[in-house]
């Protein structure tokens, strides 16, 4: 059974937002309180259920990773979220990831000048600071051309010691368990901004991926808001 078949066999999620919510006839009694379905606990629970299903599928993919080299011990692994900014593929430890969410409107903050700060966005009724990871890492933004493939931008909610932070990304590949043996040190002579936050480099499915130092990156993001 394929992952698609397995997902199809799961009980359907009630997409009430398309029937009686903001994308339907708007007769849901919760709308008066929540204004928009994305602020509703039912919508949030449905999103979590869907993420759990895809997460299980991604973990199965990770378990299959490297089976062609089964004779070699896998050893210690790291759980990483792999995503793209412009042409750069990046990875960050899932320990600091709270959620992957659809793109939400960003409200700018007048007279507030902080490096990378784009504004605030609504996360289930709470305003959360939204930062440009592309600006913080000095990366070019997406030009919208990805070999004709349809990609869906996302927002990552990262957990820091001072609270959640939101960063938009151009594409999310998924969560993978990567053997530590496949992660090599970054070149020390790389003077780009991104190198300051690089914890290593790995090759995955034909792509060179930069592993970010999540602790150092989050600390810098919090510092940029001060």
C-alpha atoms as a PDB file:
ATOM      1  CA  UNK A   1       0.000   0.000   0.000  1.00  0.00           C
ATOM      2  CA  UNK A   2       1.389   3.412  -0.978  1.00  0.00           C
ATOM      3  CA  UNK A   3       1.464   6.448   1.312  1.00  0.00           C
ATOM      4  CA  UNK A   4      -1.284   7.999  -0.822  1.00  0.00           C
ATOM      5  CA  UNK A   5      -3.470   4.917  -0.412  1.00  0.00           C
ATOM      6  CA  UNK A   6      -2.828   4.892   3.312  1.00  0.00           C
ATOM      7  CA  UNK A   7      -3.802   8.552   3.635  1.00  0.00           C
ATOM      8  CA  UNK A   8      -6.912   7.942   1.562  1.00  0.00           C
ATOM      9  CA  UNK A   9      -7.930   5.046   3.823  1.00  0.00           C
ATOM     10  CA  UNK A  10      -7.922   7.278   6.915  1.00  0.00           C
ATOM     11  CA  UNK A  11     -11.245   8.760   8.121  1.00  0.00           C
ATOM     12  CA  UNK A  12     -11.990  11.995   6.281  1.00  0.00           C
ATOM     13  CA  UNK A  13     -11.432  15.262   8.136  1.00  0.00           C
ATOM     14  CA  UNK A  14     -14.608  17.356   8.341  1.00  0.00           C
ATOM     15  CA  UNK A  15     -13.708  20.503   6.396  1.00  0.00           C
ATOM     16  CA  UNK A  16     -16.517  22.494   7.957  1.00  0.00           C
ATOM     17  CA  UNK A  17     -14.797  25.752   6.972  1.00  0.00           C
ATOM     18  CA  UNK A  18     -15.650  24.933   3.346  1.00  0.00           C
ATOM     19  CA  UNK A  19     -19.298  24.147   4.170  1.00  0.00           C
ATOM     20  CA  UNK A  20     -20.477  26.472   6.914  1.00  0.00           C
ATOM     21  CA  UNK A  21     -17.401  28.628   7.525  1.00  0.00           C
ATOM     22  CA  UNK A  22     -15.788  31.565   5.749  1.00  0.00           C
ATOM     23  CA  UNK A  23     -15.389  29.532   2.542  1.00  0.00           C
ATOM     24  CA  UNK A  24     -18.976  28.226   2.711  1.00  0.00           C
ATOM     25  CA  UNK A  25     -22.332  29.745   3.589  1.00  0.00           C
ATOM     26  CA  UNK A  26     -20.995  31.352   6.825  1.00  0.00           C
ATOM     27  CA  UNK A  27     -23.770  29.962   9.037  1.00  0.00           C
ATOM     28  CA  UNK A  28     -21.412  28.463  11.631  1.00  0.00           C
ATOM     29  CA  UNK A  29     -22.259  29.697  15.122  1.00  0.00           C
ATOM     30  CA  UNK A  30     -18.550  29.956  16.001  1.00  0.00           C
ATOM     31  CA  UNK A  31     -17.841  32.602  13.353  1.00  0.00           C
ATOM     32  CA  UNK A  32     -19.204  35.439  15.476  1.00  0.00           C
ATOM     33  CA  UNK A  33     -16.625  34.655  18.156  1.00  0.00           C
ATOM     34  CA  UNK A  34     -13.640  33.684  15.990  1.00  0.00           C
ATOM     35  CA  UNK A  35     -14.197  36.019  12.989  1.00  0.00           C
ATOM     36  CA  UNK A  36     -12.224  33.625  10.751  1.00  0.00           C
ATOM     37  CA  UNK A  37     -12.061  29.822  10.682  1.00  0.00           C
ATOM     38  CA  UNK A  38      -8.279  29.801  11.059  1.00  0.00           C
ATOM     39  CA  UNK A  39      -8.783  31.139  14.606  1.00  0.00           C
ATOM     40  CA  UNK A  40     -11.163  28.317  15.539  1.00  0.00           C
ATOM     41  CA  UNK A  41     -10.150  25.312  17.658  1.00  0.00           C
ATOM     42  CA  UNK A  42     -11.964  22.988  15.223  1.00  0.00           C
ATOM     43  CA  UNK A  43      -9.855  24.251  12.326  1.00  0.00           C
ATOM     44  CA  UNK A  44      -6.702  23.888  14.432  1.00  0.00           C
ATOM     45  CA  UNK A  45      -7.584  20.333  15.465  1.00  0.00           C
ATOM     46  CA  UNK A  46      -8.219  19.383  11.834  1.00  0.00           C
ATOM     47  CA  UNK A  47      -4.851  20.847  10.801  1.00  0.00           C
ATOM     48  CA  UNK A  48      -3.082  18.892  13.531  1.00  0.00           C
ATOM     49  CA  UNK A  49      -4.832  15.681  12.456  1.00  0.00           C
ATOM     50  CA  UNK A  50      -3.723  16.175   8.854  1.00  0.00           C
ATOM     51  CA  UNK A  51      -0.159  17.002   9.906  1.00  0.00           C
ATOM     52  CA  UNK A  52      -0.082  13.866  12.058  1.00  0.00           C
ATOM     53  CA  UNK A  53      -1.058  11.769   9.044  1.00  0.00           C
ATOM     54  CA  UNK A  54       1.554  13.308   6.788  1.00  0.00           C
ATOM     55  CA  UNK A  55       4.067  13.183   9.615  1.00  0.00           C
ATOM     56  CA  UNK A  56       3.537   9.422   9.881  1.00  0.00           C
ATOM     57  CA  UNK A  57       4.058   9.133   6.148  1.00  0.00           C
ATOM     58  CA  UNK A  58       7.238  11.211   6.338  1.00  0.00           C
ATOM     59  CA  UNK A  59       8.570   9.061   9.161  1.00  0.00           C
ATOM     60  CA  UNK A  60       7.996   5.960   7.032  1.00  0.00           C
ATOM     61  CA  UNK A  61       9.949   7.656   4.247  1.00  0.00           C
ATOM     62  CA  UNK A  62      12.713   8.385   6.726  1.00  0.00           C
ATOM     63  CA  UNK A  63      12.750   4.761   7.880  1.00  0.00           C
ATOM     64  CA  UNK A  64      13.181   3.704   4.246  1.00  0.00           C
ATOM     65  CA  UNK A  65      16.040   6.181   3.760  1.00  0.00           C
ATOM     66  CA  UNK A  66      19.243   4.354   2.932  1.00  0.00           C
ATOM     67  CA  UNK A  67      17.735   0.847   2.899  1.00  0.00           C
ATOM     68  CA  UNK A  68      19.789   0.179  -0.201  1.00  0.00           C
ATOM     69  CA  UNK A  69      22.797   0.377   2.122  1.00  0.00           C
ATOM     70  CA  UNK A  70      21.313  -1.876   4.809  1.00  0.00           C
ATOM     71  CA  UNK A  71      24.644  -3.570   5.321  1.00  0.00           C
ATOM     72  CA  UNK A  72      25.971  -0.339   6.866  1.00  0.00           C
ATOM     73  CA  UNK A  73      24.841   0.549  10.418  1.00  0.00           C
ATOM     74  CA  UNK A  74      22.772   3.728  10.448  1.00  0.00           C
ATOM     75  CA  UNK A  75      23.968   4.881  13.858  1.00  0.00           C
ATOM     76  CA  UNK A  76      22.677   7.976  15.614  1.00  0.00           C
ATOM     77  CA  UNK A  77      20.205  10.081  13.654  1.00  0.00           C
ATOM     78  CA  UNK A  78      18.850  13.614  13.784  1.00  0.00           C
ATOM     79  CA  UNK A  79      15.268  14.602  13.010  1.00  0.00           C
ATOM     80  CA  UNK A  80      15.371  17.549  10.605  1.00  0.00           C
ATOM     81  CA  UNK A  81      12.853  19.684   8.764  1.00  0.00           C
ATOM     82  CA  UNK A  82      14.046  20.340   5.215  1.00  0.00           C
ATOM     83  CA  UNK A  83      12.844  23.495   3.465  1.00  0.00           C
ATOM     84  CA  UNK A  84      13.818  25.951   0.746  1.00  0.00           C
ATOM     85  CA  UNK A  85      14.504  29.682   0.606  1.00  0.00           C
ATOM     86  CA  UNK A  86      15.059  30.883  -2.936  1.00  0.00           C
ATOM     87  CA  UNK A  87      17.521  28.418  -4.455  1.00  0.00           C
ATOM     88  CA  UNK A  88      18.992  27.404  -1.086  1.00  0.00           C
ATOM     89  CA  UNK A  89      17.858  24.202   0.625  1.00  0.00           C
ATOM     90  CA  UNK A  90      18.127  24.327   4.400  1.00  0.00           C
ATOM     91  CA  UNK A  91      17.457  22.067   7.371  1.00  0.00           C
ATOM     92  CA  UNK A  92      16.697  22.792  11.000  1.00  0.00           C
ATOM     93  CA  UNK A  93      16.252  20.477  13.980  1.00  0.00           C
ATOM     94  CA  UNK A  94      12.611  19.578  14.587  1.00  0.00           C
ATOM     95  CA  UNK A  95      13.116  20.133  18.325  1.00  0.00           C
ATOM     96  CA  UNK A  96      12.604  23.863  17.728  1.00  0.00           C
ATOM     97  CA  UNK A  97       9.708  23.430  15.290  1.00  0.00           C
ATOM     98  CA  UNK A  98       6.221  23.943  16.703  1.00  0.00           C
ATOM     99  CA  UNK A  99       4.194  23.831  13.499  1.00  0.00           C
ATOM    100  CA  UNK A 100       4.143  24.210   9.734  1.00  0.00           C
ATOM    101  CA  UNK A 101       1.212  26.430   8.756  1.00  0.00           C
ATOM    102  CA  UNK A 102      -0.297  27.901   5.587  1.00  0.00           C
ATOM    103  CA  UNK A 103       0.756  31.417   4.626  1.00  0.00           C
ATOM    104  CA  UNK A 104      -1.028  34.003   6.758  1.00  0.00           C
ATOM    105  CA  UNK A 105      -1.244  37.776   6.136  1.00  0.00           C
ATOM    106  CA  UNK A 106       1.619  39.767   7.651  1.00  0.00           C
ATOM    107  CA  UNK A 107       0.746  43.089   9.266  1.00  0.00           C
ATOM    108  CA  UNK A 108       3.603  45.583   9.154  1.00  0.00           C
ATOM    109  CA  UNK A 109       4.574  47.613  12.203  1.00  0.00           C
ATOM    110  CA  UNK A 110       5.038  51.321  11.464  1.00  0.00           C
ATOM    111  CA  UNK A 111       8.124  53.045  12.881  1.00  0.00           C
ATOM    112  CA  UNK A 112       9.645  49.694  13.873  1.00  0.00           C
ATOM    113  CA  UNK A 113      12.991  49.048  12.211  1.00  0.00           C
ATOM    114  CA  UNK A 114      14.545  45.713  13.141  1.00  0.00           C
ATOM    115  CA  UNK A 115      16.723  43.473  11.002  1.00  0.00           C
ATOM    116  CA  UNK A 116      14.560  40.850   9.363  1.00  0.00           C
ATOM    117  CA  UNK A 117      11.312  41.889  11.072  1.00  0.00           C
ATOM    118  CA  UNK A 118       8.427  41.832   8.600  1.00  0.00           C
ATOM    119  CA  UNK A 119       5.653  42.475  11.111  1.00  0.00           C
ATOM    120  CA  UNK A 120       3.230  40.268  12.996  1.00  0.00           C
ATOM    121  CA  UNK A 121       0.890  37.499  11.878  1.00  0.00           C
ATOM    122  CA  UNK A 122      -2.140  35.866  13.469  1.00  0.00           C
ATOM    123  CA  UNK A 123      -1.558  32.372  14.842  1.00  0.00           C
ATOM    124  CA  UNK A 124      -4.885  31.083  16.173  1.00  0.00           C
ATOM    125  CA  UNK A 125      -5.844  34.439  17.598  1.00  0.00           C
ATOM    126  CA  UNK A 126      -2.387  35.397  18.879  1.00  0.00           C
ATOM    127  CA  UNK A 127      -0.144  37.944  17.167  1.00  0.00           C
ATOM    128  CA  UNK A 128       3.330  36.504  16.645  1.00  0.00           C
ATOM    129  CA  UNK A 129       6.438  38.267  15.338  1.00  0.00           C
ATOM    130  CA  UNK A 130       7.203  37.329  11.725  1.00  0.00           C
ATOM    131  CA  UNK A 131      10.811  37.530  10.530  1.00  0.00           C
ATOM    132  CA  UNK A 132      12.427  37.164   7.128  1.00  0.00           C
ATOM    133  CA  UNK A 133      14.898  34.312   7.325  1.00  0.00           C
ATOM    134  CA  UNK A 134      16.084  35.268   3.836  1.00  0.00           C
ATOM    135  CA  UNK A 135      17.118  38.700   5.101  1.00  0.00           C
ATOM    136  CA  UNK A 136      18.727  37.340   8.266  1.00  0.00           C
ATOM    137  CA  UNK A 137      20.747  34.829   6.238  1.00  0.00           C
ATOM    138  CA  UNK A 138      21.365  37.238   3.347  1.00  0.00           C
ATOM    139  CA  UNK A 139      19.759  34.928   0.803  1.00  0.00           C
ATOM    140  CA  UNK A 140      18.048  35.888  -2.432  1.00  0.00           C
ATOM    141  CA  UNK A 141      14.274  35.529  -2.398  1.00  0.00           C
ATOM    142  CA  UNK A 142      12.386  33.100  -4.613  1.00  0.00           C
ATOM    143  CA  UNK A 143      12.029  34.242  -8.215  1.00  0.00           C
ATOM    144  CA  UNK A 144       8.943  32.086  -8.649  1.00  0.00           C
ATOM    145  CA  UNK A 145      10.600  29.756 -11.171  1.00  0.00           C
ATOM    146  CA  UNK A 146      11.021  26.170 -10.039  1.00  0.00           C
ATOM    147  CA  UNK A 147      11.193  24.200 -13.296  1.00  0.00           C
ATOM    148  CA  UNK A 148       7.465  24.582 -13.826  1.00  0.00           C
ATOM    149  CA  UNK A 149       6.649  22.618 -10.676  1.00  0.00           C
ATOM    150  CA  UNK A 150       3.841  23.759  -8.420  1.00  0.00           C
ATOM    151  CA  UNK A 151       5.197  24.659  -4.998  1.00  0.00           C
ATOM    152  CA  UNK A 152       3.318  25.879  -1.958  1.00  0.00           C
ATOM    153  CA  UNK A 153       4.935  28.479   0.313  1.00  0.00           C
ATOM    154  CA  UNK A 154       4.545  27.865   4.035  1.00  0.00           C
ATOM    155  CA  UNK A 155       5.222  29.500   7.370  1.00  0.00           C
ATOM    156  CA  UNK A 156       7.266  27.824  10.100  1.00  0.00           C
ATOM    157  CA  UNK A 157       6.441  28.463  13.748  1.00  0.00           C
ATOM    158  CA  UNK A 158       9.680  28.136  15.690  1.00  0.00           C
ATOM    159  CA  UNK A 159       9.811  27.847  19.473  1.00  0.00           C
ATOM    160  CA  UNK A 160      12.343  30.026  21.255  1.00  0.00           C
ATOM    161  CA  UNK A 161      12.957  30.629  24.940  1.00  0.00           C
ATOM    162  CA  UNK A 162      11.124  33.950  24.584  1.00  0.00           C
ATOM    163  CA  UNK A 163       8.103  32.586  22.735  1.00  0.00           C
ATOM    164  CA  UNK A 164       7.127  31.552  19.199  1.00  0.00           C
ATOM    165  CA  UNK A 165       8.495  33.164  16.048  1.00  0.00           C
ATOM    166  CA  UNK A 166       7.152  32.828  12.510  1.00  0.00           C
ATOM    167  CA  UNK A 167       9.307  32.632   9.370  1.00  0.00           C
ATOM    168  CA  UNK A 168       7.936  32.341   5.810  1.00  0.00           C
ATOM    169  CA  UNK A 169       9.643  29.804   3.528  1.00  0.00           C
ATOM    170  CA  UNK A 170       9.286  29.132  -0.180  1.00  0.00           C
ATOM    171  CA  UNK A 171       8.784  25.371   0.097  1.00  0.00           C
ATOM    172  CA  UNK A 172       8.749  22.615   2.708  1.00  0.00           C
ATOM    173  CA  UNK A 173      10.058  19.195   1.714  1.00  0.00           C
ATOM    174  CA  UNK A 174       9.281  17.427   4.983  1.00  0.00           C
ATOM    175  CA  UNK A 175      10.794  15.852   8.071  1.00  0.00           C
ATOM    176  CA  UNK A 176      13.607  13.366   7.660  1.00  0.00           C
ATOM    177  CA  UNK A 177      15.741  11.318  10.037  1.00  0.00           C
ATOM    178  CA  UNK A 178      19.282  11.860   8.823  1.00  0.00           C
ATOM    179  CA  UNK A 179      22.226   9.755  10.089  1.00  0.00           C
ATOM    180  CA  UNK A 180      24.857  11.930  11.753  1.00  0.00           C
ATOM    181  CA  UNK A 181      27.477  10.225   9.597  1.00  0.00           C
ATOM    182  CA  UNK A 182      25.954  11.962   6.547  1.00  0.00           C
ATOM    183  CA  UNK A 183      26.386  15.443   8.045  1.00  0.00           C
ATOM    184  CA  UNK A 184      29.765  17.009   7.317  1.00  0.00           C
ATOM    185  CA  UNK A 185      31.356  20.209   8.625  1.00  0.00           C
ATOM    186  CA  UNK A 186      30.890  23.399   6.645  1.00  0.00           C
ATOM    187  CA  UNK A 187      33.843  25.085   4.967  1.00  0.00           C
ATOM    188  CA  UNK A 188      35.538  27.438   7.398  1.00  0.00           C
ATOM    189  CA  UNK A 189      36.569  29.867   4.646  1.00  0.00           C
ATOM    190  CA  UNK A 190      32.954  30.621   3.653  1.00  0.00           C
ATOM    191  CA  UNK A 191      32.389  34.296   4.484  1.00  0.00           C
ATOM    192  CA  UNK A 192      28.690  34.437   3.653  1.00  0.00           C
ATOM    193  CA  UNK A 193      26.244  35.451   6.386  1.00  0.00           C
ATOM    194  CA  UNK A 194      24.639  32.021   6.304  1.00  0.00           C
ATOM    195  CA  UNK A 195      27.937  30.432   7.349  1.00  0.00           C
ATOM    196  CA  UNK A 196      27.624  32.081  10.787  1.00  0.00           C
ATOM    197  CA  UNK A 197      24.564  29.930  11.427  1.00  0.00           C
ATOM    198  CA  UNK A 198      25.732  26.749   9.691  1.00  0.00           C
ATOM    199  CA  UNK A 199      26.038  23.588  11.783  1.00  0.00           C
ATOM    200  CA  UNK A 200      26.901  21.308   8.862  1.00  0.00           C
ATOM    201  CA  UNK A 201      26.166  20.261   5.298  1.00  0.00           C
ATOM    202  CA  UNK A 202      24.494  17.118   4.020  1.00  0.00           C
ATOM    203  CA  UNK A 203      23.618  15.571   0.680  1.00  0.00           C
ATOM    204  CA  UNK A 204      20.019  14.451   0.347  1.00  0.00           C
ATOM    205  CA  UNK A 205      18.174  13.331  -2.793  1.00  0.00           C
ATOM    206  CA  UNK A 206      20.673  15.051  -5.039  1.00  0.00           C
ATOM    207  CA  UNK A 207      20.560  18.346  -3.138  1.00  0.00           C
ATOM    208  CA  UNK A 208      23.213  20.010  -1.007  1.00  0.00           C
ATOM    209  CA  UNK A 209      21.484  21.079   2.189  1.00  0.00           C
ATOM    210  CA  UNK A 210      22.795  23.488   4.811  1.00  0.00           C
ATOM    211  CA  UNK A 211      22.001  22.469   8.373  1.00  0.00           C
ATOM    212  CA  UNK A 212      21.305  25.525  10.511  1.00  0.00           C
ATOM    213  CA  UNK A 213      22.494  25.966  14.080  1.00  0.00           C
ATOM    214  CA  UNK A 214      19.013  26.431  15.570  1.00  0.00           C
ATOM    215  CA  UNK A 215      20.172  27.724  18.969  1.00  0.00           C
ATOM    216  CA  UNK A 216      22.420  30.406  17.480  1.00  0.00           C
ATOM    217  CA  UNK A 217      19.826  31.354  14.852  1.00  0.00           C
ATOM    218  CA  UNK A 218      16.974  31.705  17.360  1.00  0.00           C
ATOM    219  CA  UNK A 219      19.167  33.734  19.681  1.00  0.00           C
ATOM    220  CA  UNK A 220      19.986  36.100  16.812  1.00  0.00           C
ATOM    221  CA  UNK A 221      16.316  36.365  15.840  1.00  0.00           C
ATOM    222  CA  UNK A 222      15.296  37.273  19.373  1.00  0.00           C
ATOM    223  CA  UNK A 223      18.164  39.765  19.569  1.00  0.00           C
ATOM    224  CA  UNK A 224      16.994  41.461  16.366  1.00  0.00           C
ATOM    225  CA  UNK A 225      13.654  42.238  18.030  1.00  0.00           C
ATOM    226  CA  UNK A 226      15.197  44.012  21.015  1.00  0.00           C
END
